[in-house]
Amino acid sequence: MKEIKINAIVNLFNCQEYIEQCLMSILTQKYSNYHIYLTNDASTDNSDAVIKNIIGGNNSKVTYVVNKTNVTALENIINVLNNHLEEDSIYCLIDADDFFARKRHF
């Protein structure tokens, strides 16, 4: 039986204090069939540098988009779904200041 892919959509705006904990709680999951769609909604703090430090230059588990102007979380979600919708996948929304408390399966 094929494992279901889980796609996590993480929107952020000025979350430099929280984004590392959020991303690491996803990246360290035991379940490996997942992808993170991370949208930086034109943050003005150090969020971009924190993210790049965590994911590096090319992480196949993360699609990172930086908006030049602030739109809205809903517009970012719609953009991800319009551009990356996959059949037989589950999508979950995670706020950048939230995290998974334990390293378990999603």
N, C-alpha and C. Protein backbone atom coordinates (compact mmCIF):
# COMPACT_ATOMS: atom_id res chain seq x y z
N MET A 1 0.84 -1.19 0.00
CA MET A 1 0.00 0.00 0.00
C MET A 1 0.88 1.25 0.00
N LYS A 2 0.52 2.19 -0.83
CA LYS A 2 1.30 3.42 -0.96
C LYS A 2 1.05 4.35 0.23
N GLU A 3 2.13 4.92 0.74
CA GLU A 3 1.99 5.91 1.82
C GLU A 3 1.38 7.18 1.29
N ILE A 4 0.51 7.77 2.05
CA ILE A 4 -0.10 9.05 1.67
C ILE A 4 0.90 10.16 1.94
N LYS A 5 1.03 11.05 0.99
CA LYS A 5 1.91 12.20 1.15
C LYS A 5 1.19 13.29 1.93
N ILE A 6 1.88 13.88 2.87
CA ILE A 6 1.34 14.98 3.66
C ILE A 6 2.07 16.25 3.25
N ASN A 7 1.31 17.26 2.89
CA ASN A 7 1.86 18.55 2.50
C ASN A 7 1.50 19.57 3.57
N ALA A 8 2.50 20.13 4.19
CA ALA A 8 2.28 21.14 5.23
C ALA A 8 2.44 22.52 4.62
N ILE A 9 1.43 23.35 4.80
CA ILE A 9 1.50 24.73 4.33
C ILE A 9 1.74 25.61 5.54
N VAL A 10 2.89 26.30 5.52
CA VAL A 10 3.27 27.17 6.63
C VAL A 10 3.39 28.60 6.09
N ASN A 11 2.55 29.47 6.60
CA ASN A 11 2.62 30.89 6.25
C ASN A 11 3.29 31.63 7.39
N LEU A 12 4.06 32.65 7.04
CA LEU A 12 4.67 33.41 8.12
C LEU A 12 4.81 34.87 7.74
N PHE A 13 4.76 35.68 8.74
CA PHE A 13 5.07 37.10 8.63
C PHE A 13 5.70 37.51 9.95
N ASN A 14 6.97 37.90 9.89
CA ASN A 14 7.72 38.34 11.07
C ASN A 14 7.64 37.33 12.22
N CYS A 15 8.12 36.14 11.96
CA CYS A 15 8.09 35.07 12.96
C CYS A 15 9.48 34.54 13.28
N GLN A 16 10.47 35.41 13.26
CA GLN A 16 11.85 34.95 13.48
C GLN A 16 12.01 34.23 14.81
N GLU A 17 11.22 34.57 15.81
CA GLU A 17 11.36 33.93 17.13
C GLU A 17 10.79 32.52 17.16
N TYR A 18 9.91 32.18 16.23
CA TYR A 18 9.18 30.92 16.29
C TYR A 18 9.45 29.96 15.13
N ILE A 19 9.88 30.48 14.00
CA ILE A 19 9.92 29.66 12.80
C ILE A 19 10.89 28.48 12.90
N GLU A 20 11.98 28.63 13.62
CA GLU A 20 12.91 27.50 13.75
C GLU A 20 12.24 26.33 14.46
N GLN A 21 11.57 26.59 15.56
CA GLN A 21 10.90 25.52 16.29
C GLN A 21 9.80 24.88 15.43
N CYS A 22 9.08 25.69 14.70
CA CYS A 22 8.03 25.18 13.82
C CYS A 22 8.62 24.25 12.76
N LEU A 23 9.61 24.74 12.02
CA LEU A 23 10.20 23.94 10.95
C LEU A 23 10.88 22.67 11.47
N MET A 24 11.61 22.79 12.55
CA MET A 24 12.30 21.62 13.08
C MET A 24 11.32 20.57 13.58
N SER A 25 10.16 20.99 14.08
CA SER A 25 9.18 20.02 14.54
C SER A 25 8.58 19.24 13.37
N ILE A 26 8.63 19.80 12.18
CA ILE A 26 8.17 19.09 10.98
C ILE A 26 9.31 18.27 10.38
N LEU A 27 10.47 18.88 10.22
CA LEU A 27 11.61 18.22 9.57
C LEU A 27 12.11 17.00 10.33
N THR A 28 11.86 16.92 11.62
CA THR A 28 12.35 15.79 12.41
C THR A 28 11.30 14.71 12.64
N GLN A 29 10.20 14.78 11.91
CA GLN A 29 9.17 13.74 12.02
C GLN A 29 9.71 12.39 11.55
N LYS A 30 9.19 11.32 12.13
CA LYS A 30 9.56 9.97 11.69
C LYS A 30 8.95 9.65 10.33
N TYR A 31 7.78 10.17 10.10
CA TYR A 31 7.10 9.97 8.82
C TYR A 31 7.85 10.76 7.76
N SER A 32 8.23 10.11 6.68
CA SER A 32 9.12 10.78 5.72
C SER A 32 8.45 11.22 4.41
N ASN A 33 7.21 10.83 4.19
CA ASN A 33 6.56 11.18 2.94
C ASN A 33 5.77 12.49 3.12
N TYR A 34 6.50 13.57 3.18
CA TYR A 34 5.88 14.89 3.37
C TYR A 34 6.64 15.95 2.58
N HIS A 35 6.00 17.09 2.45
CA HIS A 35 6.64 18.25 1.84
C HIS A 35 6.12 19.48 2.56
N ILE A 36 6.98 20.48 2.70
CA ILE A 36 6.61 21.74 3.35
C ILE A 36 6.55 22.84 2.29
N TYR A 37 5.42 23.52 2.23
CA TYR A 37 5.28 24.72 1.40
C TYR A 37 5.32 25.90 2.36
N LEU A 38 6.40 26.62 2.31
CA LEU A 38 6.67 27.71 3.25
C LEU A 38 6.58 29.04 2.53
N THR A 39 5.67 29.90 2.98
CA THR A 39 5.48 31.20 2.34
C THR A 39 5.81 32.30 3.32
N ASN A 40 6.83 33.07 2.99
CA ASN A 40 7.23 34.24 3.76
C ASN A 40 6.49 35.43 3.15
N ASP A 41 5.54 35.97 3.89
CA ASP A 41 4.66 37.01 3.36
C ASP A 41 5.26 38.40 3.56
N ALA A 42 6.44 38.61 2.96
CA ALA A 42 7.15 39.89 2.99
C ALA A 42 7.55 40.32 4.40
N SER A 43 8.11 39.39 5.15
CA SER A 43 8.57 39.70 6.51
C SER A 43 9.62 40.80 6.50
N THR A 44 9.61 41.61 7.53
CA THR A 44 10.58 42.70 7.66
C THR A 44 11.59 42.42 8.78
N ASP A 45 11.45 41.27 9.44
CA ASP A 45 12.40 40.92 10.49
C ASP A 45 13.46 39.98 9.90
N ASN A 46 14.07 39.16 10.71
CA ASN A 46 15.16 38.27 10.30
C ASN A 46 14.66 36.87 9.93
N SER A 47 13.37 36.72 9.67
CA SER A 47 12.80 35.40 9.37
C SER A 47 13.48 34.73 8.19
N ASP A 48 13.75 35.47 7.14
CA ASP A 48 14.36 34.89 5.94
C ASP A 48 15.72 34.26 6.25
N ALA A 49 16.55 34.95 6.98
CA ALA A 49 17.88 34.41 7.33
C ALA A 49 17.75 33.17 8.21
N VAL A 50 16.82 33.18 9.14
CA VAL A 50 16.62 32.01 10.01
C VAL A 50 16.20 30.82 9.17
N ILE A 51 15.27 31.03 8.26
CA ILE A 51 14.79 29.95 7.40
C ILE A 51 15.91 29.40 6.52
N LYS A 52 16.64 30.28 5.87
CA LYS A 52 17.72 29.83 5.00
C LYS A 52 18.79 29.07 5.77
N ASN A 53 19.02 29.44 7.01
CA ASN A 53 19.97 28.72 7.85
C ASN A 53 19.48 27.30 8.13
N ILE A 54 18.17 27.13 8.29
CA ILE A 54 17.60 25.82 8.61
C ILE A 54 17.52 24.94 7.38
N ILE A 55 17.00 25.47 6.28
CA ILE A 55 16.75 24.62 5.11
C ILE A 55 17.92 24.57 4.14
N GLY A 56 18.87 25.46 4.30
CA GLY A 56 20.00 25.49 3.39
C GLY A 56 19.60 26.02 2.03
N GLY A 57 20.47 25.84 1.07
CA GLY A 57 20.21 26.37 -0.26
C GLY A 57 19.26 25.54 -1.09
N ASN A 58 19.21 24.23 -0.85
CA ASN A 58 18.38 23.37 -1.67
C ASN A 58 17.92 22.18 -0.84
N ASN A 59 16.74 22.27 -0.28
CA ASN A 59 16.17 21.19 0.51
C ASN A 59 14.97 20.63 -0.24
N SER A 60 15.05 19.38 -0.64
CA SER A 60 13.99 18.79 -1.46
C SER A 60 12.67 18.63 -0.72
N LYS A 61 12.69 18.75 0.59
CA LYS A 61 11.47 18.64 1.39
C LYS A 61 10.74 19.97 1.55
N VAL A 62 11.35 21.07 1.07
CA VAL A 62 10.78 22.40 1.30
C VAL A 62 10.71 23.19 0.00
N THR A 63 9.55 23.77 -0.24
CA THR A 63 9.39 24.77 -1.29
C THR A 63 9.22 26.09 -0.55
N TYR A 64 10.18 26.99 -0.76
CA TYR A 64 10.19 28.26 -0.03
C TYR A 64 9.91 29.41 -0.99
N VAL A 65 8.87 30.18 -0.67
CA VAL A 65 8.47 31.33 -1.49
C VAL A 65 8.53 32.57 -0.61
N VAL A 66 9.16 33.62 -1.13
CA VAL A 66 9.21 34.90 -0.42
C VAL A 66 8.42 35.92 -1.24
N ASN A 67 7.37 36.44 -0.65
CA ASN A 67 6.58 37.47 -1.33
C ASN A 67 7.28 38.82 -1.22
N LYS A 68 7.21 39.59 -2.29
CA LYS A 68 7.78 40.94 -2.27
C LYS A 68 6.88 41.91 -1.54
N THR A 69 5.57 41.64 -1.57
CA THR A 69 4.61 42.45 -0.84
C THR A 69 3.74 41.54 0.00
N ASN A 70 3.24 42.08 1.08
CA ASN A 70 2.38 41.34 1.99
C ASN A 70 1.01 41.17 1.35
N VAL A 71 0.54 39.94 1.26
CA VAL A 71 -0.80 39.70 0.74
C VAL A 71 -1.69 39.28 1.91
N THR A 72 -2.03 38.06 2.02
CA THR A 72 -2.73 37.54 3.21
C THR A 72 -2.42 36.06 3.32
N ALA A 73 -2.65 35.51 4.49
CA ALA A 73 -2.44 34.08 4.67
C ALA A 73 -3.33 33.28 3.74
N LEU A 74 -4.58 33.70 3.60
CA LEU A 74 -5.51 32.98 2.73
C LEU A 74 -5.03 32.99 1.28
N GLU A 75 -4.56 34.12 0.80
CA GLU A 75 -4.07 34.19 -0.58
C GLU A 75 -2.87 33.27 -0.76
N ASN A 76 -2.00 33.21 0.22
CA ASN A 76 -0.84 32.30 0.14
C ASN A 76 -1.28 30.85 0.09
N ILE A 77 -2.27 30.49 0.88
CA ILE A 77 -2.78 29.11 0.87
C ILE A 77 -3.37 28.79 -0.50
N ILE A 78 -4.17 29.70 -1.02
CA ILE A 78 -4.77 29.49 -2.34
C ILE A 78 -3.69 29.35 -3.41
N ASN A 79 -2.65 30.16 -3.34
CA ASN A 79 -1.55 30.06 -4.31
C ASN A 79 -0.87 28.70 -4.26
N VAL A 80 -0.62 28.20 -3.05
CA VAL A 80 0.00 26.87 -2.93
C VAL A 80 -0.91 25.82 -3.52
N LEU A 81 -2.18 25.86 -3.18
CA LEU A 81 -3.10 24.85 -3.70
C LEU A 81 -3.27 24.95 -5.21
N ASN A 82 -3.32 26.15 -5.75
CA ASN A 82 -3.45 26.32 -7.19
C ASN A 82 -2.22 25.82 -7.95
N ASN A 83 -1.05 25.96 -7.35
CA ASN A 83 0.19 25.63 -8.05
C ASN A 83 0.77 24.26 -7.70
N HIS A 84 0.34 23.66 -6.59
CA HIS A 84 0.98 22.43 -6.14
C HIS A 84 0.01 21.35 -5.69
N LEU A 85 -1.24 21.45 -6.06
CA LEU A 85 -2.22 20.46 -5.63
C LEU A 85 -1.90 19.09 -6.22
N GLU A 86 -1.84 18.10 -5.36
CA GLU A 86 -1.56 16.72 -5.77
C GLU A 86 -2.70 15.83 -5.34
N GLU A 87 -3.10 14.94 -6.22
CA GLU A 87 -4.12 13.97 -5.85
C GLU A 87 -3.54 13.01 -4.83
N ASP A 88 -4.41 12.42 -4.05
CA ASP A 88 -4.04 11.42 -3.05
C ASP A 88 -3.03 11.96 -2.03
N SER A 89 -3.14 13.25 -1.73
CA SER A 89 -2.29 13.88 -0.71
C SER A 89 -3.17 14.56 0.32
N ILE A 90 -2.62 14.71 1.48
CA ILE A 90 -3.30 15.44 2.56
C ILE A 90 -2.57 16.76 2.74
N TYR A 91 -3.34 17.82 2.90
CA TYR A 91 -2.77 19.15 3.15
C TYR A 91 -3.14 19.58 4.55
N CYS A 92 -2.16 20.11 5.28
CA CYS A 92 -2.44 20.65 6.60
C CYS A 92 -1.86 22.05 6.69
N LEU A 93 -2.51 22.89 7.46
CA LEU A 93 -2.07 24.26 7.67
C LEU A 93 -1.42 24.35 9.04
N ILE A 94 -0.26 24.98 9.07
CA ILE A 94 0.46 25.16 10.33
C ILE A 94 0.89 26.62 10.42
N ASP A 95 0.48 27.28 11.47
CA ASP A 95 0.95 28.65 11.66
C ASP A 95 2.42 28.62 12.05
N ALA A 96 3.14 29.62 11.64
CA ALA A 96 4.59 29.65 11.86
C ALA A 96 4.96 29.73 13.34
N ASP A 97 4.03 30.13 14.18
CA ASP A 97 4.32 30.17 15.61
C ASP A 97 3.79 28.93 16.34
N ASP A 98 3.41 27.89 15.58
CA ASP A 98 2.98 26.62 16.15
C ASP A 98 4.01 25.55 15.85
N PHE A 99 3.91 24.42 16.54
CA PHE A 99 4.85 23.34 16.31
C PHE A 99 4.25 22.04 16.81
N PHE A 100 4.81 20.93 16.32
CA PHE A 100 4.42 19.61 16.81
C PHE A 100 5.21 19.37 18.10
N ALA A 101 4.52 18.99 19.15
CA ALA A 101 5.14 18.86 20.47
C ALA A 101 6.10 17.68 20.55
N ARG A 102 5.83 16.60 19.82
CA ARG A 102 6.70 15.43 19.89
C ARG A 102 7.05 14.97 18.50
N LYS A 103 8.15 14.23 18.42
CA LYS A 103 8.60 13.69 17.14
C LYS A 103 7.83 12.40 16.87
N ARG A 104 6.65 12.56 16.29
CA ARG A 104 5.80 11.44 15.96
C ARG A 104 5.39 11.55 14.51
N HIS A 105 4.60 10.59 14.12
CA HIS A 105 3.98 10.71 12.80
C HIS A 105 3.03 11.88 12.85
N PHE A 106 2.80 12.50 11.72
CA PHE A 106 1.88 13.62 11.66
C PHE A 106 0.61 13.20 12.28
